[in-house]
Amino acid sequence: MNCNIAVIKGDGIGPEIVTEAMKVLDKVAEKYGHTFNYTQVLMGGCSIDATGVPLTDEAIATCKASDAVLLGSIGGDTTTSPWYKLEPS
């Protein structure tokens, strides 16, 4: 089986958890002869830092074109994070 996975590592502890989840998937692929192709996608605070918006149209298109999405935690501390000072629309 060949599977294309959009990977949204997210913010906070998300990148650490998703990295470990990818290692598990790689072991599954190795054992059962599958191939997992990963495409990194930004969402949340890391996307705001890189693009100015929490979710780009390109990110949505990448996820829709994938067979699956692996999503980590998104966001930060609502009292201190500059991400929550953005205009809500």
C-alpha atoms as a PDB file:
ATOM      1  CA  MET A   1       0.000   0.000   0.000  1.00  0.00           C
ATOM      2  CA  ASN A   2       1.196   3.495  -0.876  1.00  0.00           C
ATOM      3  CA  CYS A   3      -0.296   6.297   1.225  1.00  0.00           C
ATOM      4  CA  ASN A   4       0.193  10.055   0.970  1.00  0.00           C
ATOM      5  CA  ILE A   5      -0.095  11.707   4.368  1.00  0.00           C
ATOM      6  CA  ALA A   6      -0.303  15.445   5.020  1.00  0.00           C
ATOM      7  CA  VAL A   7       1.500  16.085   8.297  1.00  0.00           C
ATOM      8  CA  ILE A   8       0.485  19.050  10.441  1.00  0.00           C
ATOM      9  CA  LYS A   9       2.861  19.012  13.399  1.00  0.00           C
ATOM     10  CA  GLY A  10       1.267  22.087  14.937  1.00  0.00           C
ATOM     11  CA  ASP A  11       2.495  23.987  17.953  1.00  0.00           C
ATOM     12  CA  GLY A  12       3.613  23.338  21.515  1.00  0.00           C
ATOM     13  CA  ILE A  13       4.082  19.620  22.096  1.00  0.00           C
ATOM     14  CA  GLY A  14       2.496  18.770  18.720  1.00  0.00           C
ATOM     15  CA  PRO A  15       5.748  18.523  16.726  1.00  0.00           C
ATOM     16  CA  GLU A  16       7.310  16.149  19.258  1.00  0.00           C
ATOM     17  CA  ILE A  17       4.260  13.858  19.362  1.00  0.00           C
ATOM     18  CA  VAL A  18       3.756  13.819  15.589  1.00  0.00           C
ATOM     19  CA  THR A  19       7.435  13.059  14.969  1.00  0.00           C
ATOM     20  CA  GLU A  20       7.105   9.971  17.184  1.00  0.00           C
ATOM     21  CA  ALA A  21       3.842   8.974  15.463  1.00  0.00           C
ATOM     22  CA  MET A  22       5.633   9.129  12.108  1.00  0.00           C
ATOM     23  CA  LYS A  23       8.311   6.794  13.469  1.00  0.00           C
ATOM     24  CA  VAL A  24       5.575   4.310  14.401  1.00  0.00           C
ATOM     25  CA  LEU A  25       4.046   4.565  10.929  1.00  0.00           C
ATOM     26  CA  ASP A  26       7.471   4.013   9.370  1.00  0.00           C
ATOM     27  CA  LYS A  27       7.902   0.804  11.396  1.00  0.00           C
ATOM     28  CA  VAL A  28       4.449  -0.382  10.295  1.00  0.00           C
ATOM     29  CA  ALA A  29       5.415   0.365   6.690  1.00  0.00           C
ATOM     30  CA  GLU A  30       8.678  -1.521   7.086  1.00  0.00           C
ATOM     31  CA  LYS A  31       7.009  -4.579   8.610  1.00  0.00           C
ATOM     32  CA  TYR A  32       4.092  -4.821   6.182  1.00  0.00           C
ATOM     33  CA  GLY A  33       5.640  -3.487   2.976  1.00  0.00           C
ATOM     34  CA  HIS A  34       3.743  -0.203   2.869  1.00  0.00           C
ATOM     35  CA  THR A  35       5.028   3.183   1.798  1.00  0.00           C
ATOM     36  CA  PHE A  36       4.031   6.382   3.580  1.00  0.00           C
ATOM     37  CA  ASN A  37       4.872   9.628   1.786  1.00  0.00           C
ATOM     38  CA  TYR A  38       4.754  12.641   4.094  1.00  0.00           C
ATOM     39  CA  THR A  39       4.065  16.235   3.099  1.00  0.00           C
ATOM     40  CA  GLN A  40       4.631  18.835   5.811  1.00  0.00           C
ATOM     41  CA  VAL A  41       1.815  21.375   6.181  1.00  0.00           C
ATOM     42  CA  LEU A  42       1.689  24.431   8.450  1.00  0.00           C
ATOM     43  CA  MET A  43      -1.374  25.211  10.555  1.00  0.00           C
ATOM     44  CA  GLY A  44      -1.929  27.241  13.695  1.00  0.00           C
ATOM     45  CA  GLY A  45       0.682  29.427  15.322  1.00  0.00           C
ATOM     46  CA  CYS A  46       3.567  28.187  13.177  1.00  0.00           C
ATOM     47  CA  SER A  47       1.545  29.095  10.082  1.00  0.00           C
ATOM     48  CA  ILE A  48       0.776  32.543  11.512  1.00  0.00           C
ATOM     49  CA  ASP A  49       4.491  33.067  12.142  1.00  0.00           C
ATOM     50  CA  ALA A  50       5.412  31.963   8.598  1.00  0.00           C
ATOM     51  CA  THR A  51       2.525  33.322   6.513  1.00  0.00           C
ATOM     52  CA  GLY A  52       0.489  35.678   8.702  1.00  0.00           C
ATOM     53  CA  VAL A  53      -2.584  33.414   8.702  1.00  0.00           C
ATOM     54  CA  PRO A  54      -3.434  30.258  10.689  1.00  0.00           C
ATOM     55  CA  LEU A  55      -4.420  28.175   7.656  1.00  0.00           C
ATOM     56  CA  THR A  56      -3.572  28.901   4.029  1.00  0.00           C
ATOM     57  CA  ASP A  57      -5.543  27.831   0.958  1.00  0.00           C
ATOM     58  CA  GLU A  58      -2.441  25.907  -0.130  1.00  0.00           C
ATOM     59  CA  ALA A  59      -2.461  23.950   3.151  1.00  0.00           C
ATOM     60  CA  ILE A  60      -6.127  23.062   2.691  1.00  0.00           C
ATOM     61  CA  ALA A  61      -5.509  21.937  -0.899  1.00  0.00           C
ATOM     62  CA  THR A  62      -2.553  19.773   0.177  1.00  0.00           C
ATOM     63  CA  CYS A  63      -4.630  18.090   2.879  1.00  0.00           C
ATOM     64  CA  LYS A  64      -7.554  17.470   0.533  1.00  0.00           C
ATOM     65  CA  ALA A  65      -5.223  15.911  -2.041  1.00  0.00           C
ATOM     66  CA  SER A  66      -3.757  13.522   0.541  1.00  0.00           C
ATOM     67  CA  ASP A  67      -5.041  10.110   1.582  1.00  0.00           C
ATOM     68  CA  ALA A  68      -4.869  11.083   5.263  1.00  0.00           C
ATOM     69  CA  VAL A  69      -3.910  13.916   7.594  1.00  0.00           C
ATOM     70  CA  LEU A  70      -1.798  13.435  10.721  1.00  0.00           C
ATOM     71  CA  LEU A  71      -2.561  16.381  13.013  1.00  0.00           C
ATOM     72  CA  GLY A  72      -0.737  17.480  16.159  1.00  0.00           C
ATOM     73  CA  SER A  73      -1.860  20.029  18.715  1.00  0.00           C
ATOM     74  CA  ILE A  74      -2.532  23.568  17.501  1.00  0.00           C
ATOM     75  CA  GLY A  75      -2.302  26.857  19.384  1.00  0.00           C
ATOM     76  CA  GLY A  76      -0.617  28.295  22.411  1.00  0.00           C
ATOM     77  CA  ASP A  77      -1.372  29.936  25.729  1.00  0.00           C
ATOM     78  CA  THR A  78      -4.411  32.159  25.163  1.00  0.00           C
ATOM     79  CA  THR A  79      -3.271  34.669  27.782  1.00  0.00           C
ATOM     80  CA  THR A  80       0.268  35.222  26.487  1.00  0.00           C
ATOM     81  CA  SER A  81       0.449  34.109  22.860  1.00  0.00           C
ATOM     82  CA  PRO A  82       0.491  36.838  20.209  1.00  0.00           C
ATOM     83  CA  TRP A  83      -1.445  34.457  17.946  1.00  0.00           C
ATOM     84  CA  TYR A  84      -4.628  35.199  19.887  1.00  0.00           C
ATOM     85  CA  LYS A  85      -4.332  38.935  19.298  1.00  0.00           C
ATOM     86  CA  LEU A  86      -5.157  38.581  15.601  1.00  0.00           C
ATOM     87  CA  GLU A  87      -8.367  39.978  14.196  1.00  0.00           C
ATOM     88  CA  PRO A  88     -10.867  37.063  14.437  1.00  0.00           C
ATOM     89  CA  SER A  89     -12.029  36.916  10.814  1.00  0.00           C
END
